[in-house]
Amino acid sequence: MKTRMIALLAATIALVACNEIVSGPSSSTFYNCGNGTRLKVDYVDAETVMVQMNDDAPVTIPAEKAASGAKYMSATHQFWSKGDEAMWTVGRMAPMTCNKVMMPRGM
């Protein structure tokens, strides 16, 4: 019984460690924005995100203060996310609403 409990505890610790690695810095999140637009978002660290739209070159964007969610903004790009939704804006275009997807599609 004691051996089984130790094995269960070790397995739980291993799973928690894996979860932290996947969801921490340097992890990728994928979004579908409709009309064939896809985003790959890499959380470089707590202050920086790298966003790649479709097959374009990735753009590095610094963090901004946000009342809610996570907001990243440069002179030409804005990425704001909260939960499973995000808003993506490039230049003067209208913001796109994007939804998190589990598996990347063709990225």
N, C-alpha and C. Protein backbone atom coordinates (compact mmCIF):
# COMPACT_ATOMS: atom_id res chain seq x y z
N MET A 1 0.82 -1.19 0.00
CA MET A 1 0.00 0.00 0.00
C MET A 1 0.86 1.26 0.00
N LYS A 2 1.91 1.25 0.83
CA LYS A 2 2.78 2.41 0.92
C LYS A 2 3.53 2.63 -0.40
N THR A 3 3.97 1.54 -1.04
CA THR A 3 4.67 1.64 -2.32
C THR A 3 3.75 2.20 -3.40
N ARG A 4 2.51 1.76 -3.39
CA ARG A 4 1.53 2.25 -4.37
C ARG A 4 1.29 3.75 -4.18
N MET A 5 1.21 4.19 -2.95
CA MET A 5 0.98 5.60 -2.65
C MET A 5 2.17 6.45 -3.11
N ILE A 6 3.38 5.95 -2.91
CA ILE A 6 4.58 6.68 -3.35
C ILE A 6 4.61 6.76 -4.88
N ALA A 7 4.27 5.66 -5.55
CA ALA A 7 4.24 5.66 -7.02
C ALA A 7 3.20 6.64 -7.54
N LEU A 8 2.05 6.69 -6.91
CA LEU A 8 1.00 7.62 -7.31
C LEU A 8 1.44 9.07 -7.11
N LEU A 9 2.08 9.34 -6.00
CA LEU A 9 2.59 10.68 -5.72
C LEU A 9 3.65 11.09 -6.74
N ALA A 10 4.56 10.19 -7.08
CA ALA A 10 5.61 10.47 -8.06
C ALA A 10 5.00 10.76 -9.44
N ALA A 11 3.99 9.98 -9.82
CA ALA A 11 3.32 10.19 -11.11
C ALA A 11 2.62 11.55 -11.14
N THR A 12 1.99 11.91 -10.04
CA THR A 12 1.30 13.20 -9.96
C THR A 12 2.29 14.36 -10.09
N ILE A 13 3.41 14.27 -9.41
CA ILE A 13 4.44 15.31 -9.49
C ILE A 13 4.97 15.42 -10.91
N ALA A 14 5.19 14.29 -11.57
CA ALA A 14 5.69 14.31 -12.95
C ALA A 14 4.69 14.98 -13.88
N LEU A 15 3.40 14.69 -13.72
CA LEU A 15 2.38 15.31 -14.57
C LEU A 15 2.28 16.80 -14.33
N VAL A 16 2.37 17.22 -13.10
CA VAL A 16 2.32 18.65 -12.78
C VAL A 16 3.52 19.35 -13.40
N ALA A 17 4.69 18.75 -13.33
CA ALA A 17 5.89 19.35 -13.92
C ALA A 17 5.74 19.48 -15.42
N CYS A 18 5.19 18.48 -16.07
CA CYS A 18 4.97 18.55 -17.52
C CYS A 18 3.99 19.66 -17.86
N ASN A 19 2.94 19.79 -17.09
CA ASN A 19 1.95 20.83 -17.34
C ASN A 19 2.56 22.22 -17.23
N GLU A 20 3.42 22.44 -16.26
CA GLU A 20 4.04 23.74 -16.09
C GLU A 20 4.94 24.07 -17.27
N ILE A 21 5.65 23.10 -17.80
CA ILE A 21 6.53 23.34 -18.94
C ILE A 21 5.70 23.72 -20.16
N VAL A 22 4.62 23.01 -20.40
CA VAL A 22 3.79 23.26 -21.58
C VAL A 22 3.13 24.62 -21.53
N SER A 23 2.69 25.06 -20.36
CA SER A 23 1.94 26.31 -20.29
C SER A 23 2.78 27.51 -19.90
N GLY A 24 4.05 27.33 -19.67
CA GLY A 24 4.90 28.42 -19.24
C GLY A 24 5.52 29.17 -20.40
N PRO A 25 6.55 29.99 -20.11
CA PRO A 25 7.25 30.71 -21.17
C PRO A 25 7.76 29.75 -22.23
N SER A 26 7.86 30.25 -23.44
CA SER A 26 8.31 29.49 -24.61
C SER A 26 7.28 28.49 -25.10
N SER A 27 6.04 28.60 -24.66
CA SER A 27 5.00 27.72 -25.16
C SER A 27 4.25 28.42 -26.29
N SER A 28 3.65 27.62 -27.17
CA SER A 28 2.91 28.17 -28.31
C SER A 28 1.42 27.96 -28.12
N THR A 29 0.64 28.93 -28.56
CA THR A 29 -0.81 28.85 -28.58
C THR A 29 -1.26 29.19 -29.98
N PHE A 30 -2.29 28.50 -30.46
CA PHE A 30 -2.77 28.68 -31.82
C PHE A 30 -4.19 29.23 -31.81
N TYR A 31 -4.47 30.16 -32.73
CA TYR A 31 -5.77 30.80 -32.82
C TYR A 31 -6.27 30.74 -34.26
N ASN A 32 -7.58 30.59 -34.42
CA ASN A 32 -8.24 30.68 -35.71
C ASN A 32 -9.04 31.97 -35.70
N CYS A 33 -8.77 32.85 -36.68
CA CYS A 33 -9.42 34.15 -36.72
C CYS A 33 -10.47 34.25 -37.82
N GLY A 34 -10.77 33.15 -38.48
CA GLY A 34 -11.75 33.17 -39.56
C GLY A 34 -11.13 33.65 -40.86
N ASN A 35 -11.84 33.48 -41.96
CA ASN A 35 -11.38 33.89 -43.28
C ASN A 35 -9.99 33.38 -43.62
N GLY A 36 -9.61 32.22 -43.08
CA GLY A 36 -8.31 31.62 -43.37
C GLY A 36 -7.15 32.20 -42.59
N THR A 37 -7.40 33.10 -41.67
CA THR A 37 -6.33 33.70 -40.87
C THR A 37 -6.08 32.86 -39.63
N ARG A 38 -4.82 32.47 -39.46
CA ARG A 38 -4.40 31.70 -38.29
C ARG A 38 -3.26 32.43 -37.59
N LEU A 39 -3.20 32.33 -36.28
CA LEU A 39 -2.11 32.91 -35.51
C LEU A 39 -1.39 31.83 -34.73
N LYS A 40 -0.09 31.91 -34.69
CA LYS A 40 0.73 31.10 -33.78
C LYS A 40 1.35 32.11 -32.83
N VAL A 41 1.09 31.95 -31.55
CA VAL A 41 1.56 32.90 -30.54
C VAL A 41 2.53 32.18 -29.62
N ASP A 42 3.77 32.67 -29.58
CA ASP A 42 4.80 32.12 -28.70
C ASP A 42 5.03 33.10 -27.57
N TYR A 43 4.83 32.63 -26.35
CA TYR A 43 5.06 33.45 -25.17
C TYR A 43 6.53 33.32 -24.81
N VAL A 44 7.33 34.29 -25.23
CA VAL A 44 8.78 34.25 -25.07
C VAL A 44 9.14 34.34 -23.59
N ASP A 45 8.55 35.30 -22.90
CA ASP A 45 8.73 35.47 -21.46
C ASP A 45 7.53 36.26 -20.95
N ALA A 46 7.57 36.69 -19.70
CA ALA A 46 6.42 37.40 -19.12
C ALA A 46 6.18 38.76 -19.77
N GLU A 47 7.16 39.30 -20.49
CA GLU A 47 7.05 40.64 -21.05
C GLU A 47 7.02 40.69 -22.57
N THR A 48 7.08 39.53 -23.24
CA THR A 48 7.20 39.52 -24.69
C THR A 48 6.43 38.36 -25.30
N VAL A 49 5.78 38.64 -26.42
CA VAL A 49 5.09 37.61 -27.18
C VAL A 49 5.54 37.72 -28.64
N MET A 50 5.59 36.59 -29.34
CA MET A 50 5.93 36.58 -30.76
C MET A 50 4.73 36.01 -31.51
N VAL A 51 4.16 36.79 -32.43
CA VAL A 51 2.96 36.40 -33.15
C VAL A 51 3.29 36.18 -34.62
N GLN A 52 2.88 35.03 -35.14
CA GLN A 52 3.04 34.74 -36.56
C GLN A 52 1.66 34.57 -37.18
N MET A 53 1.34 35.40 -38.17
CA MET A 53 0.06 35.31 -38.86
C MET A 53 0.27 34.51 -40.15
N ASN A 54 -0.46 33.39 -40.28
CA ASN A 54 -0.34 32.49 -41.42
C ASN A 54 1.14 32.16 -41.65
N ASP A 55 1.66 32.41 -42.85
CA ASP A 55 3.06 32.10 -43.15
C ASP A 55 3.95 33.34 -43.14
N ASP A 56 3.44 34.46 -42.62
CA ASP A 56 4.24 35.68 -42.54
C ASP A 56 5.36 35.51 -41.51
N ALA A 57 6.30 36.42 -41.55
CA ALA A 57 7.38 36.41 -40.55
C ALA A 57 6.81 36.74 -39.18
N PRO A 58 7.30 36.10 -38.13
CA PRO A 58 6.81 36.40 -36.77
C PRO A 58 7.17 37.83 -36.36
N VAL A 59 6.30 38.42 -35.53
CA VAL A 59 6.48 39.78 -35.03
C VAL A 59 6.60 39.71 -33.51
N THR A 60 7.64 40.32 -32.96
CA THR A 60 7.84 40.35 -31.51
C THR A 60 7.19 41.61 -30.96
N ILE A 61 6.35 41.43 -29.91
CA ILE A 61 5.57 42.55 -29.38
C ILE A 61 5.75 42.59 -27.85
N PRO A 62 6.05 43.76 -27.30
CA PRO A 62 6.20 43.88 -25.84
C PRO A 62 4.85 43.99 -25.12
N ALA A 63 4.85 43.61 -23.85
CA ALA A 63 3.64 43.64 -23.03
C ALA A 63 3.26 45.08 -22.67
N GLU A 64 1.97 45.28 -22.49
CA GLU A 64 1.40 46.55 -22.03
C GLU A 64 0.53 46.24 -20.81
N LYS A 65 0.27 47.23 -19.98
CA LYS A 65 -0.65 47.02 -18.87
C LYS A 65 -2.05 46.84 -19.41
N ALA A 66 -2.79 45.91 -18.83
CA ALA A 66 -4.17 45.66 -19.24
C ALA A 66 -5.04 45.51 -18.01
N ALA A 67 -6.22 46.06 -18.07
CA ALA A 67 -7.16 45.92 -16.95
C ALA A 67 -7.63 44.48 -16.83
N SER A 68 -7.65 43.78 -17.95
CA SER A 68 -8.12 42.40 -17.97
C SER A 68 -7.41 41.65 -19.09
N GLY A 69 -7.01 40.42 -18.85
CA GLY A 69 -6.34 39.64 -19.88
C GLY A 69 -4.89 40.04 -20.04
N ALA A 70 -4.31 39.67 -21.19
CA ALA A 70 -2.92 39.99 -21.50
C ALA A 70 -2.88 40.82 -22.77
N LYS A 71 -2.17 41.94 -22.73
CA LYS A 71 -2.13 42.84 -23.88
C LYS A 71 -0.68 43.09 -24.28
N TYR A 72 -0.44 43.00 -25.59
CA TYR A 72 0.88 43.25 -26.15
C TYR A 72 0.69 44.24 -27.29
N MET A 73 1.59 45.25 -27.37
CA MET A 73 1.35 46.31 -28.34
C MET A 73 2.67 46.92 -28.80
N SER A 74 2.74 47.17 -30.12
CA SER A 74 3.84 47.92 -30.71
C SER A 74 3.22 49.05 -31.53
N ALA A 75 4.03 49.77 -32.30
CA ALA A 75 3.51 50.87 -33.11
C ALA A 75 2.57 50.37 -34.21
N THR A 76 2.74 49.11 -34.66
CA THR A 76 1.93 48.61 -35.78
C THR A 76 1.11 47.37 -35.48
N HIS A 77 1.32 46.73 -34.33
CA HIS A 77 0.62 45.48 -34.01
C HIS A 77 0.06 45.50 -32.60
N GLN A 78 -1.09 44.85 -32.42
CA GLN A 78 -1.67 44.69 -31.09
C GLN A 78 -2.26 43.29 -30.97
N PHE A 79 -1.91 42.61 -29.87
CA PHE A 79 -2.47 41.30 -29.56
C PHE A 79 -2.99 41.37 -28.13
N TRP A 80 -4.27 41.08 -27.95
CA TRP A 80 -4.89 41.08 -26.63
C TRP A 80 -5.62 39.76 -26.47
N SER A 81 -5.41 39.07 -25.36
CA SER A 81 -6.08 37.80 -25.14
C SER A 81 -6.65 37.71 -23.73
N LYS A 82 -7.75 36.97 -23.65
CA LYS A 82 -8.37 36.69 -22.36
C LYS A 82 -9.12 35.37 -22.53
N GLY A 83 -8.76 34.40 -21.73
CA GLY A 83 -9.38 33.08 -21.84
C GLY A 83 -9.05 32.45 -23.18
N ASP A 84 -10.06 31.99 -23.89
CA ASP A 84 -9.87 31.34 -25.19
C ASP A 84 -10.05 32.28 -26.37
N GLU A 85 -10.20 33.57 -26.11
CA GLU A 85 -10.40 34.54 -27.19
C GLU A 85 -9.24 35.53 -27.25
N ALA A 86 -9.03 36.07 -28.45
CA ALA A 86 -7.99 37.08 -28.65
C ALA A 86 -8.45 38.08 -29.70
N MET A 87 -7.84 39.25 -29.67
CA MET A 87 -8.04 40.27 -30.70
C MET A 87 -6.68 40.54 -31.32
N TRP A 88 -6.63 40.58 -32.65
CA TRP A 88 -5.39 40.81 -33.38
C TRP A 88 -5.60 41.98 -34.33
N THR A 89 -4.71 42.97 -34.25
CA THR A 89 -4.80 44.15 -35.09
C THR A 89 -3.44 44.43 -35.70
N VAL A 90 -3.43 44.71 -37.01
CA VAL A 90 -2.22 45.11 -37.72
C VAL A 90 -2.50 46.46 -38.38
N GLY A 91 -1.69 47.44 -38.06
CA GLY A 91 -1.86 48.77 -38.64
C GLY A 91 -3.23 49.35 -38.36
N ARG A 92 -3.87 49.86 -39.41
CA ARG A 92 -5.19 50.49 -39.25
C ARG A 92 -6.34 49.55 -39.56
N MET A 93 -6.05 48.28 -39.78
CA MET A 93 -7.13 47.35 -40.10
C MET A 93 -8.05 47.15 -38.90
N ALA A 94 -9.26 46.72 -39.17
CA ALA A 94 -10.21 46.43 -38.09
C ALA A 94 -9.70 45.24 -37.28
N PRO A 95 -9.85 45.26 -35.97
CA PRO A 95 -9.38 44.14 -35.15
C PRO A 95 -10.10 42.84 -35.55
N MET A 96 -9.35 41.75 -35.54
CA MET A 96 -9.91 40.42 -35.81
C MET A 96 -10.15 39.72 -34.49
N THR A 97 -11.30 39.09 -34.35
CA THR A 97 -11.57 38.26 -33.18
C THR A 97 -11.11 36.84 -33.50
N CYS A 98 -10.33 36.28 -32.61
CA CYS A 98 -9.73 34.95 -32.82
C CYS A 98 -10.10 34.04 -31.66
N ASN A 99 -10.19 32.75 -31.96
CA ASN A 99 -10.50 31.74 -30.95
C ASN A 99 -9.39 30.72 -30.88
N LYS A 100 -9.02 30.35 -29.65
CA LYS A 100 -7.96 29.38 -29.43
C LYS A 100 -8.39 28.03 -30.00
N VAL A 101 -7.45 27.35 -30.65
CA VAL A 101 -7.70 26.01 -31.17
C VAL A 101 -6.71 25.04 -30.53
N MET A 102 -7.12 23.79 -30.44
CA MET A 102 -6.28 22.79 -29.80
C MET A 102 -5.13 22.33 -30.69
N MET A 103 -5.40 22.16 -31.97
CA MET A 103 -4.37 21.65 -32.87
C MET A 103 -4.14 22.66 -33.99
N PRO A 104 -2.88 22.93 -34.34
CA PRO A 104 -2.63 23.86 -35.44
C PRO A 104 -3.07 23.23 -36.77
N ARG A 105 -3.56 24.08 -37.66
CA ARG A 105 -3.99 23.61 -38.98
C ARG A 105 -3.02 24.15 -40.02
N GLY A 106 -2.14 23.29 -40.49
CA GLY A 106 -1.23 23.66 -41.56
C GLY A 106 -0.20 24.70 -41.22
N MET A 107 0.12 24.86 -39.94
CA MET A 107 1.15 25.83 -39.57
C MET A 107 2.42 25.13 -39.24
